[in-house]
Amino acid sequence: MPDISRKRILLGITGGIAAYKSAELVRLLTKAGIEVQVVMTEAACGFITPATMQALSGHPVYTDMWDTRVENGMAHIELSRGRDAI
C-alpha cells in the first residue's frame, strides 16, 4: 500500500446535499495523516459551516476566490499549488 501520509489535498465543496458527507471525508483524511485545505462556495456554506470544516481540517477555510489572506490575493490559483490532488 502506498504511503499517503504527508499528502496535500485541496477539497472544494459546493452547494448540495453531499456537502454533509464532506465533513466525514475531511475527518477520515486528516486521521490518515493527509493535510486537507478546504475551499467552499457560498452555496456550500448553506449546508455546512466553514467553522466545522476548519475544526476538522485544522486549517482556515476559504470561501472567496479573491481572499486577501493569500499573499497575492489570488487564492483561486495559489491554493492549488503544491497539492497532490484537487
PDB file of N, CA and C in Angstrom:
ATOM      1  N   MET A   1       0.845  -1.178   0.000  1.00  0.00           N
ATOM      2  CA  MET A   1       0.000   0.000   0.000  1.00  0.00           C
ATOM      3  C   MET A   1       0.890   1.241   0.000  1.00  0.00           C
ATOM      4  N   PRO A   2       0.607   2.222  -0.865  1.00  0.00           N
ATOM      5  CA  PRO A   2       1.433   3.425  -0.922  1.00  0.00           C
ATOM      6  C   PRO A   2       1.287   4.268   0.348  1.00  0.00           C
ATOM      7  N   ASP A   3       2.342   4.978   0.674  1.00  0.00           N
ATOM      8  CA  ASP A   3       2.336   5.866   1.834  1.00  0.00           C
ATOM      9  C   ASP A   3       1.563   7.128   1.465  1.00  0.00           C
ATOM     10  N   ILE A   4       0.397   7.336   2.092  1.00  0.00           N
ATOM     11  CA  ILE A   4      -0.401   8.516   1.769  1.00  0.00           C
ATOM     12  C   ILE A   4      -0.178   9.657   2.759  1.00  0.00           C
ATOM     13  N   SER A   5       0.579   9.390   3.827  1.00  0.00           N
ATOM     14  CA  SER A   5       0.851  10.470   4.770  1.00  0.00           C
ATOM     15  C   SER A   5       1.689  11.537   4.078  1.00  0.00           C
ATOM     16  N   ARG A   6       1.573  12.711   4.550  1.00  0.00           N
ATOM     17  CA  ARG A   6       2.256  13.888   4.005  1.00  0.00           C
ATOM     18  C   ARG A   6       1.717  14.320   2.636  1.00  0.00           C
ATOM     19  N   LYS A   7       0.608  13.773   2.233  1.00  0.00           N
ATOM     20  CA  LYS A   7      -0.045  14.220   1.007  1.00  0.00           C
ATOM     21  C   LYS A   7      -0.819  15.479   1.335  1.00  0.00           C
ATOM     22  N   ARG A   8      -1.008  16.308   0.321  1.00  0.00           N
ATOM     23  CA  ARG A   8      -1.724  17.578   0.498  1.00  0.00           C
ATOM     24  C   ARG A   8      -2.869  17.632  -0.506  1.00  0.00           C
ATOM     25  N   ILE A   9      -4.082  17.779   0.014  1.00  0.00           N
ATOM     26  CA  ILE A   9      -5.276  17.785  -0.823  1.00  0.00           C
ATOM     27  C   ILE A   9      -6.006  19.113  -0.674  1.00  0.00           C
ATOM     28  N   LEU A  10      -6.498  19.616  -1.790  1.00  0.00           N
ATOM     29  CA  LEU A  10      -7.386  20.780  -1.795  1.00  0.00           C
ATOM     30  C   LEU A  10      -8.778  20.243  -2.084  1.00  0.00           C
ATOM     31  N   LEU A  11      -9.680  20.388  -1.132  1.00  0.00           N
ATOM     32  CA  LEU A  11     -11.042  19.875  -1.262  1.00  0.00           C
ATOM     33  C   LEU A  11     -12.005  21.026  -1.506  1.00  0.00           C
ATOM     34  N   GLY A  12     -12.649  21.011  -2.655  1.00  0.00           N
ATOM     35  CA  GLY A  12     -13.661  22.007  -2.985  1.00  0.00           C
ATOM     36  C   GLY A  12     -15.040  21.467  -2.669  1.00  0.00           C
ATOM     37  N   ILE A  13     -15.818  22.264  -1.949  1.00  0.00           N
ATOM     38  CA  ILE A  13     -17.176  21.857  -1.575  1.00  0.00           C
ATOM     39  C   ILE A  13     -18.156  22.853  -2.170  1.00  0.00           C
ATOM     40  N   THR A  14     -19.141  22.322  -2.882  1.00  0.00           N
ATOM     41  CA  THR A  14     -20.165  23.170  -3.495  1.00  0.00           C
ATOM     42  C   THR A  14     -21.501  22.931  -2.814  1.00  0.00           C
ATOM     43  N   GLY A  15     -22.493  23.693  -3.212  1.00  0.00           N
ATOM     44  CA  GLY A  15     -23.812  23.612  -2.601  1.00  0.00           C
ATOM     45  C   GLY A  15     -24.591  22.410  -3.075  1.00  0.00           C
ATOM     46  N   GLY A  16     -24.753  21.473  -2.210  1.00  0.00           N
ATOM     47  CA  GLY A  16     -25.520  20.267  -2.492  1.00  0.00           C
ATOM     48  C   GLY A  16     -25.540  19.420  -1.244  1.00  0.00           C
ATOM     49  N   ILE A  17     -26.433  18.480  -1.217  1.00  0.00           N
ATOM     50  CA  ILE A  17     -26.589  17.648  -0.036  1.00  0.00           C
ATOM     51  C   ILE A  17     -25.318  16.872   0.290  1.00  0.00           C
ATOM     52  N   ALA A  18     -24.479  16.607  -0.718  1.00  0.00           N
ATOM     53  CA  ALA A  18     -23.221  15.888  -0.484  1.00  0.00           C
ATOM     54  C   ALA A  18     -22.250  16.693   0.384  1.00  0.00           C
ATOM     55  N   ALA A  19     -22.502  17.981   0.558  1.00  0.00           N
ATOM     56  CA  ALA A  19     -21.644  18.801   1.421  1.00  0.00           C
ATOM     57  C   ALA A  19     -21.588  18.218   2.832  1.00  0.00           C
ATOM     58  N   TYR A  20     -22.678  17.602   3.273  1.00  0.00           N
ATOM     59  CA  TYR A  20     -22.685  16.992   4.600  1.00  0.00           C
ATOM     60  C   TYR A  20     -21.684  15.850   4.686  1.00  0.00           C
ATOM     61  N   LYS A  21     -21.547  15.096   3.622  1.00  0.00           N
ATOM     62  CA  LYS A  21     -20.616  13.965   3.595  1.00  0.00           C
ATOM     63  C   LYS A  21     -19.162  14.430   3.608  1.00  0.00           C
ATOM     64  N   SER A  22     -18.917  15.649   3.170  1.00  0.00           N
ATOM     65  CA  SER A  22     -17.543  16.149   3.105  1.00  0.00           C
ATOM     66  C   SER A  22     -16.918  16.262   4.493  1.00  0.00           C
ATOM     67  N   ALA A  23     -17.725  16.495   5.505  1.00  0.00           N
ATOM     68  CA  ALA A  23     -17.186  16.581   6.869  1.00  0.00           C
ATOM     69  C   ALA A  23     -16.566  15.243   7.281  1.00  0.00           C
ATOM     70  N   GLU A  24     -17.240  14.169   6.982  1.00  0.00           N
ATOM     71  CA  GLU A  24     -16.706  12.845   7.308  1.00  0.00           C
ATOM     72  C   GLU A  24     -15.455  12.559   6.482  1.00  0.00           C
ATOM     73  N   LEU A  25     -15.470  12.956   5.216  1.00  0.00           N
ATOM     74  CA  LEU A  25     -14.309  12.765   4.353  1.00  0.00           C
ATOM     75  C   LEU A  25     -13.087  13.486   4.912  1.00  0.00           C
ATOM     76  N   VAL A  26     -13.251  14.738   5.306  1.00  0.00           N
ATOM     77  CA  VAL A  26     -12.138  15.512   5.872  1.00  0.00           C
ATOM     78  C   VAL A  26     -11.643  14.862   7.158  1.00  0.00           C
ATOM     79  N   ARG A  27     -12.553  14.406   7.982  1.00  0.00           N
ATOM     80  CA  ARG A  27     -12.167  13.756   9.231  1.00  0.00           C
ATOM     81  C   ARG A  27     -11.315  12.515   8.962  1.00  0.00           C
ATOM     82  N   LEU A  28     -11.743  11.703   8.017  1.00  0.00           N
ATOM     83  CA  LEU A  28     -11.012  10.476   7.704  1.00  0.00           C
ATOM     84  C   LEU A  28      -9.662  10.766   7.053  1.00  0.00           C
ATOM     85  N   LEU A  29      -9.611  11.734   6.166  1.00  0.00           N
ATOM     86  CA  LEU A  29      -8.348  12.076   5.505  1.00  0.00           C
ATOM     87  C   LEU A  29      -7.327  12.603   6.508  1.00  0.00           C
ATOM     88  N   THR A  30      -7.752  13.507   7.376  1.00  0.00           N
ATOM     89  CA  THR A  30      -6.806  14.056   8.359  1.00  0.00           C
ATOM     90  C   THR A  30      -6.370  12.982   9.348  1.00  0.00           C
ATOM     91  N   LYS A  31      -7.267  12.082   9.694  1.00  0.00           N
ATOM     92  CA  LYS A  31      -6.906  10.971  10.584  1.00  0.00           C
ATOM     93  C   LYS A  31      -5.838  10.094   9.942  1.00  0.00           C
ATOM     94  N   ALA A  32      -5.848  10.009   8.611  1.00  0.00           N
ATOM     95  CA  ALA A  32      -4.855   9.216   7.877  1.00  0.00           C
ATOM     96  C   ALA A  32      -3.546   9.974   7.679  1.00  0.00           C
ATOM     97  N   GLY A  33      -3.474  11.199   8.177  1.00  0.00           N
ATOM     98  CA  GLY A  33      -2.244  11.971   8.072  1.00  0.00           C
ATOM     99  C   GLY A  33      -2.150  12.846   6.836  1.00  0.00           C
ATOM    100  N   ILE A  34      -3.253  13.024   6.148  1.00  0.00           N
ATOM    101  CA  ILE A  34      -3.282  13.839   4.939  1.00  0.00           C
ATOM    102  C   ILE A  34      -3.666  15.265   5.313  1.00  0.00           C
ATOM    103  N   GLU A  35      -2.933  16.231   4.779  1.00  0.00           N
ATOM    104  CA  GLU A  35      -3.265  17.639   5.003  1.00  0.00           C
ATOM    105  C   GLU A  35      -4.387  18.021   4.041  1.00  0.00           C
ATOM    106  N   VAL A  36      -5.481  18.537   4.587  1.00  0.00           N
ATOM    107  CA  VAL A  36      -6.629  18.908   3.771  1.00  0.00           C
ATOM    108  C   VAL A  36      -6.878  20.409   3.901  1.00  0.00           C
ATOM    109  N   GLN A  37      -6.880  21.094   2.775  1.00  0.00           N
ATOM    110  CA  GLN A  37      -7.248  22.504   2.728  1.00  0.00           C
ATOM    111  C   GLN A  37      -8.624  22.565   2.069  1.00  0.00           C
ATOM    112  N   VAL A  38      -9.564  23.206   2.737  1.00  0.00           N
ATOM    113  CA  VAL A  38     -10.941  23.249   2.252  1.00  0.00           C
ATOM    114  C   VAL A  38     -11.253  24.613   1.649  1.00  0.00           C
ATOM    115  N   VAL A  39     -11.899  24.570   0.495  1.00  0.00           N
ATOM    116  CA  VAL A  39     -12.483  25.760  -0.117  1.00  0.00           C
ATOM    117  C   VAL A  39     -13.970  25.483  -0.311  1.00  0.00           C
ATOM    118  N   MET A  40     -14.801  26.486  -0.064  1.00  0.00           N
ATOM    119  CA  MET A  40     -16.246  26.301  -0.135  1.00  0.00           C
ATOM    120  C   MET A  40     -16.906  27.414  -0.922  1.00  0.00           C
ATOM    121  N   THR A  41     -17.931  27.050  -1.677  1.00  0.00           N
ATOM    122  CA  THR A  41     -18.736  28.069  -2.336  1.00  0.00           C
ATOM    123  C   THR A  41     -19.704  28.662  -1.318  1.00  0.00           C
ATOM    124  N   GLU A  42     -20.281  29.791  -1.672  1.00  0.00           N
ATOM    125  CA  GLU A  42     -21.280  30.414  -0.810  1.00  0.00           C
ATOM    126  C   GLU A  42     -22.454  29.457  -0.578  1.00  0.00           C
ATOM    127  N   ALA A  43     -22.842  28.750  -1.626  1.00  0.00           N
ATOM    128  CA  ALA A  43     -23.955  27.804  -1.506  1.00  0.00           C
ATOM    129  C   ALA A  43     -23.606  26.656  -0.559  1.00  0.00           C
ATOM    130  N   ALA A  44     -22.356  26.206  -0.556  1.00  0.00           N
ATOM    131  CA  ALA A  44     -21.939  25.131   0.348  1.00  0.00           C
ATOM    132  C   ALA A  44     -22.094  25.558   1.803  1.00  0.00           C
ATOM    133  N   CYS A  45     -21.858  26.834   2.064  1.00  0.00           N
ATOM    134  CA  CYS A  45     -21.959  27.357   3.429  1.00  0.00           C
ATOM    135  C   CYS A  45     -23.390  27.293   3.952  1.00  0.00           C
ATOM    136  N   GLY A  46     -24.363  27.129   3.053  1.00  0.00           N
ATOM    137  CA  GLY A  46     -25.746  26.952   3.470  1.00  0.00           C
ATOM    138  C   GLY A  46     -26.030  25.544   3.979  1.00  0.00           C
ATOM    139  N   PHE A  47     -25.147  24.606   3.668  1.00  0.00           N
ATOM    140  CA  PHE A  47     -25.316  23.222   4.093  1.00  0.00           C
ATOM    141  C   PHE A  47     -24.443  22.870   5.291  1.00  0.00           C
ATOM    142  N   ILE A  48     -23.216  23.378   5.305  1.00  0.00           N
ATOM    143  CA  ILE A  48     -22.267  23.073   6.379  1.00  0.00           C
ATOM    144  C   ILE A  48     -21.398  24.313   6.585  1.00  0.00           C
ATOM    145  N   THR A  49     -21.020  24.594   7.806  1.00  0.00           N
ATOM    146  CA  THR A  49     -20.317  25.846   8.067  1.00  0.00           C
ATOM    147  C   THR A  49     -18.809  25.731   7.863  1.00  0.00           C
ATOM    148  N   PRO A  50     -18.183  26.837   7.473  1.00  0.00           N
ATOM    149  CA  PRO A  50     -16.723  26.861   7.390  1.00  0.00           C
ATOM    150  C   PRO A  50     -16.065  26.540   8.743  1.00  0.00           C
ATOM    151  N   ALA A  51     -16.704  26.931   9.834  1.00  0.00           N
ATOM    152  CA  ALA A  51     -16.141  26.654  11.158  1.00  0.00           C
ATOM    153  C   ALA A  51     -16.037  25.152  11.403  1.00  0.00           C
ATOM    154  N   THR A  52     -17.018  24.401  10.957  1.00  0.00           N
ATOM    155  CA  THR A  52     -16.971  22.939  11.090  1.00  0.00           C
ATOM    156  C   THR A  52     -15.806  22.370  10.298  1.00  0.00           C
ATOM    157  N   MET A  53     -15.662  22.821   9.065  1.00  0.00           N
ATOM    158  CA  MET A  53     -14.604  22.308   8.213  1.00  0.00           C
ATOM    159  C   MET A  53     -13.227  22.723   8.732  1.00  0.00           C
ATOM    160  N   GLN A  54     -13.132  23.916   9.307  1.00  0.00           N
ATOM    161  CA  GLN A  54     -11.867  24.357   9.887  1.00  0.00           C
ATOM    162  C   GLN A  54     -11.507  23.498  11.095  1.00  0.00           C
ATOM    163  N   ALA A  55     -12.482  23.200  11.923  1.00  0.00           N
ATOM    164  CA  ALA A  55     -12.227  22.365  13.100  1.00  0.00           C
ATOM    165  C   ALA A  55     -11.760  20.972  12.690  1.00  0.00           C
ATOM    166  N   LEU A  56     -12.335  20.433  11.637  1.00  0.00           N
ATOM    167  CA  LEU A  56     -11.972  19.084  11.192  1.00  0.00           C
ATOM    168  C   LEU A  56     -10.637  19.042  10.464  1.00  0.00           C
ATOM    169  N   SER A  57     -10.352  20.075   9.675  1.00  0.00           N
ATOM    170  CA  SER A  57      -9.123  20.075   8.874  1.00  0.00           C
ATOM    171  C   SER A  57      -7.928  20.653   9.616  1.00  0.00           C
ATOM    172  N   GLY A  58      -8.202  21.525  10.575  1.00  0.00           N
ATOM    173  CA  GLY A  58      -7.122  22.202  11.281  1.00  0.00           C
ATOM    174  C   GLY A  58      -6.527  23.354  10.499  1.00  0.00           C
ATOM    175  N   HIS A  59      -7.224  23.779   9.438  1.00  0.00           N
ATOM    176  CA  HIS A  59      -6.752  24.881   8.592  1.00  0.00           C
ATOM    177  C   HIS A  59      -7.887  25.857   8.319  1.00  0.00           C
ATOM    178  N   PRO A  60      -7.559  27.129   8.099  1.00  0.00           N
ATOM    179  CA  PRO A  60      -8.603  28.089   7.739  1.00  0.00           C
ATOM    180  C   PRO A  60      -9.300  27.650   6.455  1.00  0.00           C
ATOM    181  N   VAL A  61     -10.573  27.941   6.359  1.00  0.00           N
ATOM    182  CA  VAL A  61     -11.364  27.595   5.179  1.00  0.00           C
ATOM    183  C   VAL A  61     -11.519  28.847   4.322  1.00  0.00           C
ATOM    184  N   TYR A  62     -11.395  28.664   3.034  1.00  0.00           N
ATOM    185  CA  TYR A  62     -11.527  29.777   2.093  1.00  0.00           C
ATOM    186  C   TYR A  62     -12.887  29.719   1.423  1.00  0.00           C
ATOM    187  N   THR A  63     -13.572  30.855   1.417  1.00  0.00           N
ATOM    188  CA  THR A  63     -14.900  30.938   0.807  1.00  0.00           C
ATOM    189  C   THR A  63     -14.969  32.024  -0.264  1.00  0.00           C
ATOM    190  N   ASP A  64     -13.842  32.655  -0.539  1.00  0.00           N
ATOM    191  CA  ASP A  64     -13.791  33.734  -1.521  1.00  0.00           C
ATOM    192  C   ASP A  64     -12.553  33.550  -2.388  1.00  0.00           C
ATOM    193  N   MET A  65     -12.740  33.445  -3.698  1.00  0.00           N
ATOM    194  CA  MET A  65     -11.587  33.207  -4.567  1.00  0.00           C
ATOM    195  C   MET A  65     -10.624  34.390  -4.621  1.00  0.00           C
ATOM    196  N   TRP A  66     -11.020  35.524  -4.101  1.00  0.00           N
ATOM    197  CA  TRP A  66     -10.136  36.695  -4.034  1.00  0.00           C
ATOM    198  C   TRP A  66      -9.709  36.976  -2.600  1.00  0.00           C
ATOM    199  N   ASP A  67      -9.685  35.959  -1.766  1.00  0.00           N
ATOM    200  CA  ASP A  67      -9.367  36.078  -0.348  1.00  0.00           C
ATOM    201  C   ASP A  67      -8.032  36.792  -0.159  1.00  0.00           C
ATOM    202  N   THR A  68      -8.029  37.809   0.672  1.00  0.00           N
ATOM    203  CA  THR A  68      -6.822  38.619   0.896  1.00  0.00           C
ATOM    204  C   THR A  68      -5.831  37.954   1.843  1.00  0.00           C
ATOM    205  N   ARG A  69      -6.197  36.830   2.475  1.00  0.00           N
ATOM    206  CA  ARG A  69      -5.239  36.118   3.327  1.00  0.00           C
ATOM    207  C   ARG A  69      -4.135  35.485   2.492  1.00  0.00           C
ATOM    208  N   VAL A  70      -4.397  35.262   1.229  1.00  0.00           N
ATOM    209  CA  VAL A  70      -3.391  34.706   0.330  1.00  0.00           C
ATOM    210  C   VAL A  70      -2.566  35.869  -0.183  1.00  0.00           C
ATOM    211  N   GLU A  71      -1.255  35.699  -0.127  1.00  0.00           N
ATOM    212  CA  GLU A  71      -0.311  36.784  -0.375  1.00  0.00           C
ATOM    213  C   GLU A  71      -0.629  37.668  -1.581  1.00  0.00           C
ATOM    214  N   ASN A  72      -0.877  37.083  -2.734  1.00  0.00           N
ATOM    215  CA  ASN A  72      -1.111  37.900  -3.925  1.00  0.00           C
ATOM    216  C   ASN A  72      -2.595  38.149  -4.186  1.00  0.00           C
ATOM    217  N   GLY A  73      -3.452  37.756  -3.248  1.00  0.00           N
ATOM    218  CA  GLY A  73      -4.882  37.989  -3.393  1.00  0.00           C
ATOM    219  C   GLY A  73      -5.532  37.113  -4.447  1.00  0.00           C
ATOM    220  N   MET A  74      -4.847  36.072  -4.869  1.00  0.00           N
ATOM    221  CA  MET A  74      -5.382  35.204  -5.904  1.00  0.00           C
ATOM    222  C   MET A  74      -5.481  33.775  -5.363  1.00  0.00           C
ATOM    223  N   ALA A  75      -6.344  33.603  -4.366  1.00  0.00           N
ATOM    224  CA  ALA A  75      -6.491  32.297  -3.720  1.00  0.00           C
ATOM    225  C   ALA A  75      -6.870  31.218  -4.721  1.00  0.00           C
ATOM    226  N   HIS A  76      -7.627  31.587  -5.731  1.00  0.00           N
ATOM    227  CA  HIS A  76      -8.082  30.585  -6.698  1.00  0.00           C
ATOM    228  C   HIS A  76      -6.927  29.950  -7.476  1.00  0.00           C
ATOM    229  N   ILE A  77      -5.767  30.552  -7.446  1.00  0.00           N
ATOM    230  CA  ILE A  77      -4.583  29.980  -8.091  1.00  0.00           C
ATOM    231  C   ILE A  77      -3.619  29.439  -7.039  1.00  0.00           C
ATOM    232  N   GLU A  78      -3.305  30.238  -6.058  1.00  0.00           N
ATOM    233  CA  GLU A  78      -2.289  29.888  -5.068  1.00  0.00           C
ATOM    234  C   GLU A  78      -2.630  28.644  -4.244  1.00  0.00           C
ATOM    235  N   LEU A  79      -3.881  28.450  -3.901  1.00  0.00           N
ATOM    236  CA  LEU A  79      -4.233  27.308  -3.063  1.00  0.00           C
ATOM    237  C   LEU A  79      -4.042  25.975  -3.761  1.00  0.00           C
ATOM    238  N   SER A  80      -3.997  25.982  -5.084  1.00  0.00           N
ATOM    239  CA  SER A  80      -3.820  24.731  -5.813  1.00  0.00           C
ATOM    240  C   SER A  80      -2.348  24.330  -5.941  1.00  0.00           C
ATOM    241  N   ARG A  81      -1.461  25.250  -5.722  1.00  0.00           N
ATOM    242  CA  ARG A  81      -0.036  24.962  -5.872  1.00  0.00           C
ATOM    243  C   ARG A  81       0.462  24.057  -4.753  1.00  0.00           C
ATOM    244  N   GLY A  82       1.265  23.086  -5.135  1.00  0.00           N
ATOM    245  CA  GLY A  82       1.848  22.168  -4.165  1.00  0.00           C
ATOM    246  C   GLY A  82       0.878  21.117  -3.637  1.00  0.00           C
ATOM    247  N   ARG A  83      -0.257  20.963  -4.270  1.00  0.00           N
ATOM    248  CA  ARG A  83      -1.237  19.958  -3.840  1.00  0.00           C
ATOM    249  C   ARG A  83      -1.041  18.676  -4.639  1.00  0.00           C
ATOM    250  N   ASP A  84      -1.272  17.568  -3.997  1.00  0.00           N
ATOM    251  CA  ASP A  84      -1.178  16.273  -4.665  1.00  0.00           C
ATOM    252  C   ASP A  84      -2.466  15.923  -5.384  1.00  0.00           C
ATOM    253  N   ALA A  85      -3.570  16.504  -4.926  1.00  0.00           N
ATOM    254  CA  ALA A  85      -4.873  16.245  -5.554  1.00  0.00           C
ATOM    255  C   ALA A  85      -5.812  17.409  -5.261  1.00  0.00           C
ATOM    256  N   ILE A  86      -6.723  17.617  -6.183  1.00  0.00           N
ATOM    257  CA  ILE A  86      -7.757  18.654  -6.000  1.00  0.00           C
ATOM    258  C   ILE A  86      -9.099  17.982  -6.229  1.00  0.00           C
TER     259      ILE A  86
END
